[in-house]
Amino acid sequence: MEIFYSDNIMGTSLALTVEDSLHCARVLRHRSGDAINVVDGEGTMYECRITNDNPRLVVADIIAAHELWNSHPYRLTMAVCPTKNNDRYEWFVEKATEVGVDRIVPVIGGRSERKVYKTDRARKIVLSAAKQSLKALFPQVEEPLGVKEFIEASAGEADGGAGALKFIACCFEDADHPRTSLSDAVRQALAKTKAALPRITVMIGPEGDFSEEELHLAIERGFIPVHLGASRLRTETAAVVAATQIYSLF
């Protein structure tokens, strides 16, 4: 199934982006009258018929619209510290998009080796991976935040009726706050909330893990400490494993 992208919906018609117009008309050789499928990145897939096959601007009439197409029954935020090797973080962005994630937030911790992260390439990777994996709703890649800043910004999201479930994956624990597996923690939290569309946040630390101060602040602000199993995982691997566990639960 071929999927194209449009950020220009015009009532009963739409225009593909410059890149997708070129791919559609020149590479795949679609012509006026051909049927194509187009997503808007906001959750809707459009069945369309091409009316203008110019490689610089393909225009199509909308035949049908399918909202929440191929969507998942949860909203997942992955707050992940950028890795020293940027390629590894981009691999996480690609795979998490394929699995199912709604928001990616690069967070900079006290032990982070990479203190600056530029989001332009990540957004391009999201676009490509979303189309490849048949997603109509593209995850948002936000500008970087400090770990403590992100925790404080999330403090207003309480568990319960609002359906906001928050977890922090770490490699250590103390007697007062034992870790449980992410899968078990999500199951237990879901049993307490009646939200039809639970909002889940998972934080993944840098190569050197979160600091004790960061972990304790997160716990004070409602995050549940979790682990992802017995293996010690790289940051990007842990992030993909976490996203996959959430996907599998639903």
C-alpha atoms as a PDB file:
ATOM      1  CA  MET A   1       0.000   0.000   0.000  1.00  0.00           C
ATOM      2  CA  GLU A   2       1.495   3.338  -1.076  1.00  0.00           C
ATOM      3  CA  ILE A   3       1.035   6.245   1.323  1.00  0.00           C
ATOM      4  CA  PHE A   4       1.633   9.895   0.429  1.00  0.00           C
ATOM      5  CA  TYR A   5       1.616  12.954   2.658  1.00  0.00           C
ATOM      6  CA  SER A   6      -0.181  16.282   2.345  1.00  0.00           C
ATOM      7  CA  ASP A   7      -0.010  19.326   4.591  1.00  0.00           C
ATOM      8  CA  ASN A   8      -2.298  21.241   2.227  1.00  0.00           C
ATOM      9  CA  ILE A   9      -5.920  20.059   2.507  1.00  0.00           C
ATOM     10  CA  MET A  10      -8.267  22.301   0.518  1.00  0.00           C
ATOM     11  CA  GLY A  11     -11.822  21.234   1.309  1.00  0.00           C
ATOM     12  CA  THR A  12     -12.607  18.536  -1.253  1.00  0.00           C
ATOM     13  CA  SER A  13      -9.103  18.383  -2.702  1.00  0.00           C
ATOM     14  CA  LEU A  14      -5.492  18.325  -1.539  1.00  0.00           C
ATOM     15  CA  ALA A  15      -1.973  18.849  -2.813  1.00  0.00           C
ATOM     16  CA  LEU A  16       0.971  16.605  -2.041  1.00  0.00           C
ATOM     17  CA  THR A  17       4.185  18.035  -0.669  1.00  0.00           C
ATOM     18  CA  VAL A  18       6.962  18.824  -3.140  1.00  0.00           C
ATOM     19  CA  GLU A  19       8.865  15.666  -2.203  1.00  0.00           C
ATOM     20  CA  ASP A  20       5.834  13.392  -2.448  1.00  0.00           C
ATOM     21  CA  SER A  21       4.664  15.027  -5.674  1.00  0.00           C
ATOM     22  CA  LEU A  22       7.993  14.165  -7.280  1.00  0.00           C
ATOM     23  CA  HIS A  23       7.918  10.616  -5.922  1.00  0.00           C
ATOM     24  CA  CYS A  24       4.298  10.084  -6.959  1.00  0.00           C
ATOM     25  CA  ALA A  25       4.450  11.464 -10.516  1.00  0.00           C
ATOM     26  CA  ARG A  26       8.042  10.904 -11.590  1.00  0.00           C
ATOM     27  CA  VAL A  27       9.264   7.859  -9.651  1.00  0.00           C
ATOM     28  CA  LEU A  28       6.020   5.863  -9.399  1.00  0.00           C
ATOM     29  CA  ARG A  29       4.625   7.363 -12.626  1.00  0.00           C
ATOM     30  CA  HIS A  30       1.103   7.966 -11.331  1.00  0.00           C
ATOM     31  CA  ARG A  31      -1.097   9.894 -13.750  1.00  0.00           C
ATOM     32  CA  SER A  32      -4.357  11.855 -13.618  1.00  0.00           C
ATOM     33  CA  GLY A  33      -7.227   9.493 -12.822  1.00  0.00           C
ATOM     34  CA  ASP A  34      -5.099   7.182 -10.645  1.00  0.00           C
ATOM     35  CA  ALA A  35      -6.269   6.404  -7.119  1.00  0.00           C
ATOM     36  CA  ILE A  36      -3.845   7.202  -4.273  1.00  0.00           C
ATOM     37  CA  ASN A  37      -3.937   7.181  -0.461  1.00  0.00           C
ATOM     38  CA  VAL A  38      -2.832  10.292   1.403  1.00  0.00           C
ATOM     39  CA  VAL A  39      -2.345  10.985   5.114  1.00  0.00           C
ATOM     40  CA  ASP A  40      -2.312  14.379   6.807  1.00  0.00           C
ATOM     41  CA  GLY A  41      -0.129  13.539   9.835  1.00  0.00           C
ATOM     42  CA  GLU A  42      -3.008  14.420  12.159  1.00  0.00           C
ATOM     43  CA  GLY A  43      -4.808  11.077  12.075  1.00  0.00           C
ATOM     44  CA  THR A  44      -6.806  11.074   8.824  1.00  0.00           C
ATOM     45  CA  MET A  45      -6.223   8.989   5.699  1.00  0.00           C
ATOM     46  CA  TYR A  46      -7.804  10.216   2.453  1.00  0.00           C
ATOM     47  CA  GLU A  47      -8.741   8.080  -0.522  1.00  0.00           C
ATOM     48  CA  CYS A  48      -8.062  10.330  -3.507  1.00  0.00           C
ATOM     49  CA  ARG A  49      -8.019  10.502  -7.291  1.00  0.00           C
ATOM     50  CA  ILE A  50      -5.295  12.504  -9.043  1.00  0.00           C
ATOM     51  CA  THR A  51      -6.478  15.501 -11.085  1.00  0.00           C
ATOM     52  CA  ASN A  52      -3.068  17.089 -11.754  1.00  0.00           C
ATOM     53  CA  ASP A  53      -0.004  14.879 -12.222  1.00  0.00           C
ATOM     54  CA  ASN A  54       2.619  17.653 -12.406  1.00  0.00           C
ATOM     55  CA  PRO A  55       5.747  16.301 -10.641  1.00  0.00           C
ATOM     56  CA  ARG A  56       6.180  19.660  -8.938  1.00  0.00           C
ATOM     57  CA  LEU A  57       2.653  19.705  -7.488  1.00  0.00           C
ATOM     58  CA  VAL A  58       0.338  16.701  -7.579  1.00  0.00           C
ATOM     59  CA  VAL A  59      -3.290  17.640  -6.844  1.00  0.00           C
ATOM     60  CA  ALA A  60      -6.056  15.141  -6.093  1.00  0.00           C
ATOM     61  CA  ASP A  61      -9.766  15.112  -5.316  1.00  0.00           C
ATOM     62  CA  ILE A  62     -10.773  13.590  -1.974  1.00  0.00           C
ATOM     63  CA  ILE A  63     -13.112  10.614  -2.428  1.00  0.00           C
ATOM     64  CA  ALA A  64     -13.322   9.480   1.206  1.00  0.00           C
ATOM     65  CA  ALA A  65     -11.763  10.382   4.566  1.00  0.00           C
ATOM     66  CA  HIS A  66     -10.963   7.926   7.363  1.00  0.00           C
ATOM     67  CA  GLU A  67     -10.300   9.555  10.730  1.00  0.00           C
ATOM     68  CA  LEU A  68      -8.136   7.878  13.392  1.00  0.00           C
ATOM     69  CA  TRP A  69      -6.856   5.546  10.690  1.00  0.00           C
ATOM     70  CA  ASN A  70      -4.614   2.780  12.068  1.00  0.00           C
ATOM     71  CA  SER A  71      -4.466   4.613  15.404  1.00  0.00           C
ATOM     72  CA  HIS A  72      -3.594   2.967  18.719  1.00  0.00           C
ATOM     73  CA  PRO A  73      -5.821   3.087  21.852  1.00  0.00           C
ATOM     74  CA  TYR A  74      -3.397   5.105  23.982  1.00  0.00           C
ATOM     75  CA  ARG A  75      -1.268   8.235  23.799  1.00  0.00           C
ATOM     76  CA  LEU A  76       2.428   7.619  24.457  1.00  0.00           C
ATOM     77  CA  THR A  77       5.096  10.180  25.273  1.00  0.00           C
ATOM     78  CA  MET A  78       8.689   8.955  25.190  1.00  0.00           C
ATOM     79  CA  ALA A  79      11.032  11.344  27.017  1.00  0.00           C
ATOM     80  CA  VAL A  80      14.462   9.994  26.103  1.00  0.00           C
ATOM     81  CA  CYS A  81      17.907  11.442  26.712  1.00  0.00           C
ATOM     82  CA  PRO A  82      19.850  11.966  23.454  1.00  0.00           C
ATOM     83  CA  THR A  83      22.687   9.504  22.938  1.00  0.00           C
ATOM     84  CA  LYS A  84      26.314  10.461  22.380  1.00  0.00           C
ATOM     85  CA  ASN A  85      26.098   8.853  18.937  1.00  0.00           C
ATOM     86  CA  ASN A  86      23.306  10.727  17.177  1.00  0.00           C
ATOM     87  CA  ASP A  87      22.655   7.837  14.753  1.00  0.00           C
ATOM     88  CA  ARG A  88      21.501   5.698  17.662  1.00  0.00           C
ATOM     89  CA  TYR A  89      18.910   8.263  18.722  1.00  0.00           C
ATOM     90  CA  GLU A  90      17.640   8.545  15.163  1.00  0.00           C
ATOM     91  CA  TRP A  91      17.295   4.756  15.097  1.00  0.00           C
ATOM     92  CA  PHE A  92      15.097   5.008  18.205  1.00  0.00           C
ATOM     93  CA  VAL A  93      12.967   7.735  16.585  1.00  0.00           C
ATOM     94  CA  GLU A  94      12.432   5.595  13.496  1.00  0.00           C
ATOM     95  CA  LYS A  95      11.572   2.377  15.340  1.00  0.00           C
ATOM     96  CA  ALA A  96       9.359   4.040  17.952  1.00  0.00           C
ATOM     97  CA  THR A  97       7.405   5.713  15.154  1.00  0.00           C
ATOM     98  CA  GLU A  98       6.912   2.346  13.456  1.00  0.00           C
ATOM     99  CA  VAL A  99       5.723   0.732  16.701  1.00  0.00           C
ATOM    100  CA  GLY A 100       3.485   3.588  17.845  1.00  0.00           C
ATOM    101  CA  VAL A 101       4.358   6.749  19.750  1.00  0.00           C
ATOM    102  CA  ASP A 102       2.666  10.149  19.864  1.00  0.00           C
ATOM    103  CA  ARG A 103       5.270  12.468  21.335  1.00  0.00           C
ATOM    104  CA  ILE A 104       9.058  12.311  21.473  1.00  0.00           C
ATOM    105  CA  VAL A 105      10.809  14.668  23.880  1.00  0.00           C
ATOM    106  CA  PRO A 106      14.634  14.791  23.987  1.00  0.00           C
ATOM    107  CA  VAL A 107      15.495  15.394  27.644  1.00  0.00           C
ATOM    108  CA  ILE A 108      18.921  16.499  28.857  1.00  0.00           C
ATOM    109  CA  GLY A 109      19.988  15.060  32.208  1.00  0.00           C
ATOM    110  CA  GLY A 110      22.811  15.871  34.552  1.00  0.00           C
ATOM    111  CA  ARG A 111      24.733  12.830  33.285  1.00  0.00           C
ATOM    112  CA  SER A 112      23.903  13.288  29.608  1.00  0.00           C
ATOM    113  CA  GLU A 113      26.942  13.194  27.338  1.00  0.00           C
ATOM    114  CA  ARG A 114      25.056  15.077  24.605  1.00  0.00           C
ATOM    115  CA  LYS A 115      23.830  18.447  25.840  1.00  0.00           C
ATOM    116  CA  VAL A 116      22.478  19.752  22.509  1.00  0.00           C
ATOM    117  CA  TYR A 117      20.057  18.034  20.174  1.00  0.00           C
ATOM    118  CA  LYS A 118      18.718  19.381  16.878  1.00  0.00           C
ATOM    119  CA  THR A 119      15.297  18.052  15.925  1.00  0.00           C
ATOM    120  CA  ASP A 120      15.168  18.756  12.157  1.00  0.00           C
ATOM    121  CA  ARG A 121      16.454  15.355  11.027  1.00  0.00           C
ATOM    122  CA  ALA A 122      14.309  13.526  13.578  1.00  0.00           C
ATOM    123  CA  ARG A 123      11.165  15.125  12.141  1.00  0.00           C
ATOM    124  CA  LYS A 124      12.123  13.985   8.639  1.00  0.00           C
ATOM    125  CA  ILE A 125      12.718  10.465   9.956  1.00  0.00           C
ATOM    126  CA  VAL A 126       9.273  10.509  11.607  1.00  0.00           C
ATOM    127  CA  LEU A 127       7.619  11.449   8.307  1.00  0.00           C
ATOM    128  CA  SER A 128       9.315   8.623   6.400  1.00  0.00           C
ATOM    129  CA  ALA A 129       8.777   6.001   9.124  1.00  0.00           C
ATOM    130  CA  ALA A 130       5.128   6.957   9.639  1.00  0.00           C
ATOM    131  CA  LYS A 131       4.298   6.516   5.969  1.00  0.00           C
ATOM    132  CA  GLN A 132       6.246   3.257   5.781  1.00  0.00           C
ATOM    133  CA  SER A 133       4.385   1.825   8.805  1.00  0.00           C
ATOM    134  CA  LEU A 134       0.942   3.033   7.636  1.00  0.00           C
ATOM    135  CA  LYS A 135       0.415   5.751  10.232  1.00  0.00           C
ATOM    136  CA  ALA A 136      -1.890   8.723   9.649  1.00  0.00           C
ATOM    137  CA  LEU A 137      -1.025  10.354  12.982  1.00  0.00           C
ATOM    138  CA  PHE A 138       2.619  11.413  13.118  1.00  0.00           C
ATOM    139  CA  PRO A 139       4.426  11.700  16.471  1.00  0.00           C
ATOM    140  CA  GLN A 140       5.473  15.194  17.486  1.00  0.00           C
ATOM    141  CA  VAL A 141       9.196  15.703  18.037  1.00  0.00           C
ATOM    142  CA  GLU A 142       9.546  18.490  20.573  1.00  0.00           C
ATOM    143  CA  GLU A 143      12.463  20.763  21.325  1.00  0.00           C
ATOM    144  CA  PRO A 144      14.824  19.506  24.062  1.00  0.00           C
ATOM    145  CA  LEU A 145      14.073  20.079  27.744  1.00  0.00           C
ATOM    146  CA  GLY A 146      16.109  19.494  30.871  1.00  0.00           C
ATOM    147  CA  VAL A 147      15.136  16.336  32.773  1.00  0.00           C
ATOM    148  CA  LYS A 148      14.032  18.346  35.815  1.00  0.00           C
ATOM    149  CA  GLU A 149      12.184  20.825  33.603  1.00  0.00           C
ATOM    150  CA  PHE A 150      10.294  17.998  31.920  1.00  0.00           C
ATOM    151  CA  ILE A 151       9.436  16.382  35.256  1.00  0.00           C
ATOM    152  CA  GLU A 152       8.088  19.656  36.626  1.00  0.00           C
ATOM    153  CA  ALA A 153       6.104  20.300  33.452  1.00  0.00           C
ATOM    154  CA  SER A 154       4.516  16.858  33.850  1.00  0.00           C
ATOM    155  CA  ALA A 155       3.690  17.385  37.522  1.00  0.00           C
ATOM    156  CA  GLY A 156       0.132  18.497  36.832  1.00  0.00           C
ATOM    157  CA  GLU A 157      -0.744  15.221  35.155  1.00  0.00           C
ATOM    158  CA  ALA A 158      -2.122  13.086  37.948  1.00  0.00           C
ATOM    159  CA  ASP A 159      -2.988   9.426  37.776  1.00  0.00           C
ATOM    160  CA  GLY A 160      -6.651   8.551  37.994  1.00  0.00           C
ATOM    161  CA  GLY A 161      -9.574   9.951  36.090  1.00  0.00           C
ATOM    162  CA  ALA A 162      -7.361  11.991  33.771  1.00  0.00           C
ATOM    163  CA  GLY A 163      -5.679   8.769  32.645  1.00  0.00           C
ATOM    164  CA  ALA A 164      -2.139  10.164  32.931  1.00  0.00           C
ATOM    165  CA  LEU A 165       0.275   7.342  33.753  1.00  0.00           C
ATOM    166  CA  LYS A 166       3.940   8.274  34.286  1.00  0.00           C
ATOM    167  CA  PHE A 167       6.946   5.964  34.537  1.00  0.00           C
ATOM    168  CA  ILE A 168      10.690   6.443  34.861  1.00  0.00           C
ATOM    169  CA  ALA A 169      13.012   3.590  33.836  1.00  0.00           C
ATOM    170  CA  CYS A 170      16.219   3.472  35.855  1.00  0.00           C
ATOM    171  CA  CYS A 171      18.985   1.025  36.762  1.00  0.00           C
ATOM    172  CA  PHE A 172      18.910   1.511  40.533  1.00  0.00           C
ATOM    173  CA  GLU A 173      16.378   1.722  43.344  1.00  0.00           C
ATOM    174  CA  ASP A 174      16.109   2.275  47.062  1.00  0.00           C
ATOM    175  CA  ALA A 175      14.162   0.416  49.724  1.00  0.00           C
ATOM    176  CA  ASP A 176      11.401   3.022  49.816  1.00  0.00           C
ATOM    177  CA  HIS A 177      10.791   2.964  46.065  1.00  0.00           C
ATOM    178  CA  PRO A 178      11.324  -0.535  44.633  1.00  0.00           C
ATOM    179  CA  ARG A 179      11.077  -0.870  40.871  1.00  0.00           C
ATOM    180  CA  THR A 180       8.590  -3.104  39.119  1.00  0.00           C
ATOM    181  CA  SER A 181       8.550  -4.165  35.498  1.00  0.00           C
ATOM    182  CA  LEU A 182       7.098  -1.615  33.099  1.00  0.00           C
ATOM    183  CA  SER A 183       4.496  -4.102  31.841  1.00  0.00           C
ATOM    184  CA  ASP A 184       3.275  -4.880  35.358  1.00  0.00           C
ATOM    185  CA  ALA A 185       3.303  -1.229  36.365  1.00  0.00           C
ATOM    186  CA  VAL A 186       1.196  -0.236  33.351  1.00  0.00           C
ATOM    187  CA  ARG A 187      -1.278  -3.061  33.970  1.00  0.00           C
ATOM    188  CA  GLN A 188      -1.667  -2.030  37.612  1.00  0.00           C
ATOM    189  CA  ALA A 189      -2.087   1.631  36.708  1.00  0.00           C
ATOM    190  CA  LEU A 190      -4.628   0.866  33.987  1.00  0.00           C
ATOM    191  CA  ALA A 191      -6.693  -1.117  36.485  1.00  0.00           C
ATOM    192  CA  LYS A 192      -7.094   2.068  38.537  1.00  0.00           C
ATOM    193  CA  THR A 193      -8.100   4.406  35.735  1.00  0.00           C
ATOM    194  CA  LYS A 194     -11.253   4.398  33.642  1.00  0.00           C
ATOM    195  CA  ALA A 195      -9.815   6.595  30.881  1.00  0.00           C
ATOM    196  CA  ALA A 196     -10.827   5.478  27.402  1.00  0.00           C
ATOM    197  CA  LEU A 197      -7.575   6.822  25.977  1.00  0.00           C
ATOM    198  CA  PRO A 198      -4.865   6.581  28.656  1.00  0.00           C
ATOM    199  CA  ARG A 199      -1.953   8.991  28.386  1.00  0.00           C
ATOM    200  CA  ILE A 200       1.320   7.235  29.154  1.00  0.00           C
ATOM    201  CA  THR A 201       4.728   8.834  29.684  1.00  0.00           C
ATOM    202  CA  VAL A 202       7.964   6.844  29.895  1.00  0.00           C
ATOM    203  CA  MET A 203      11.300   8.459  30.714  1.00  0.00           C
ATOM    204  CA  ILE A 204      14.565   6.829  29.612  1.00  0.00           C
ATOM    205  CA  GLY A 205      17.872   8.133  30.946  1.00  0.00           C
ATOM    206  CA  PRO A 206      21.314   8.695  29.395  1.00  0.00           C
ATOM    207  CA  GLU A 207      24.147   6.180  29.226  1.00  0.00           C
ATOM    208  CA  GLY A 208      25.077   7.054  32.799  1.00  0.00           C
ATOM    209  CA  ASP A 209      21.452   6.721  33.994  1.00  0.00           C
ATOM    210  CA  PHE A 210      19.446   9.316  35.864  1.00  0.00           C
ATOM    211  CA  SER A 211      20.978  10.813  38.989  1.00  0.00           C
ATOM    212  CA  GLU A 212      19.475  10.007  42.384  1.00  0.00           C
ATOM    213  CA  GLU A 213      18.275  13.600  42.606  1.00  0.00           C
ATOM    214  CA  GLU A 214      16.451  13.309  39.248  1.00  0.00           C
ATOM    215  CA  LEU A 215      14.874   9.986  40.207  1.00  0.00           C
ATOM    216  CA  HIS A 216      13.657  11.258  43.571  1.00  0.00           C
ATOM    217  CA  LEU A 217      12.208  14.402  41.984  1.00  0.00           C
ATOM    218  CA  ALA A 218      10.356  12.254  39.450  1.00  0.00           C
ATOM    219  CA  ILE A 219       8.936  10.033  42.190  1.00  0.00           C
ATOM    220  CA  GLU A 220       7.829  13.095  44.163  1.00  0.00           C
ATOM    221  CA  ARG A 221       6.014  14.335  41.045  1.00  0.00           C
ATOM    222  CA  GLY A 222       4.108  11.106  40.496  1.00  0.00           C
ATOM    223  CA  PHE A 223       6.416   8.992  38.320  1.00  0.00           C
ATOM    224  CA  ILE A 224       6.578   5.266  39.056  1.00  0.00           C
ATOM    225  CA  PRO A 225      10.097   3.719  38.944  1.00  0.00           C
ATOM    226  CA  VAL A 226      10.288   0.722  36.604  1.00  0.00           C
ATOM    227  CA  HIS A 227      12.745  -1.649  34.967  1.00  0.00           C
ATOM    228  CA  LEU A 228      12.691  -3.330  31.548  1.00  0.00           C
ATOM    229  CA  GLY A 229      14.062  -6.702  32.553  1.00  0.00           C
ATOM    230  CA  ALA A 230      17.333  -8.192  33.754  1.00  0.00           C
ATOM    231  CA  SER A 231      19.465  -7.071  30.813  1.00  0.00           C
ATOM    232  CA  ARG A 232      21.299  -3.751  30.923  1.00  0.00           C
ATOM    233  CA  LEU A 233      20.183  -1.965  27.766  1.00  0.00           C
ATOM    234  CA  ARG A 234      21.581   0.954  25.831  1.00  0.00           C
ATOM    235  CA  THR A 235      19.473   4.103  25.967  1.00  0.00           C
ATOM    236  CA  GLU A 236      18.038   3.721  22.472  1.00  0.00           C
ATOM    237  CA  THR A 237      17.374   0.000  22.953  1.00  0.00           C
ATOM    238  CA  ALA A 238      15.601   0.628  26.252  1.00  0.00           C
ATOM    239  CA  ALA A 239      13.426   3.270  24.610  1.00  0.00           C
ATOM    240  CA  VAL A 240      12.342   0.942  21.803  1.00  0.00           C
ATOM    241  CA  VAL A 241      11.742  -1.931  24.238  1.00  0.00           C
ATOM    242  CA  ALA A 242       9.554   0.334  26.382  1.00  0.00           C
ATOM    243  CA  ALA A 243       7.517   1.512  23.379  1.00  0.00           C
ATOM    244  CA  THR A 244       7.132  -2.106  22.229  1.00  0.00           C
ATOM    245  CA  GLN A 245       5.948  -3.269  25.665  1.00  0.00           C
ATOM    246  CA  ILE A 246       3.262  -0.566  25.710  1.00  0.00           C
ATOM    247  CA  TYR A 247       2.213  -1.490  22.165  1.00  0.00           C
ATOM    248  CA  SER A 248       2.012  -5.195  23.083  1.00  0.00           C
ATOM    249  CA  LEU A 249      -0.147  -4.526  26.161  1.00  0.00           C
ATOM    250  CA  PHE A 250      -2.826  -2.942  23.997  1.00  0.00           C
END
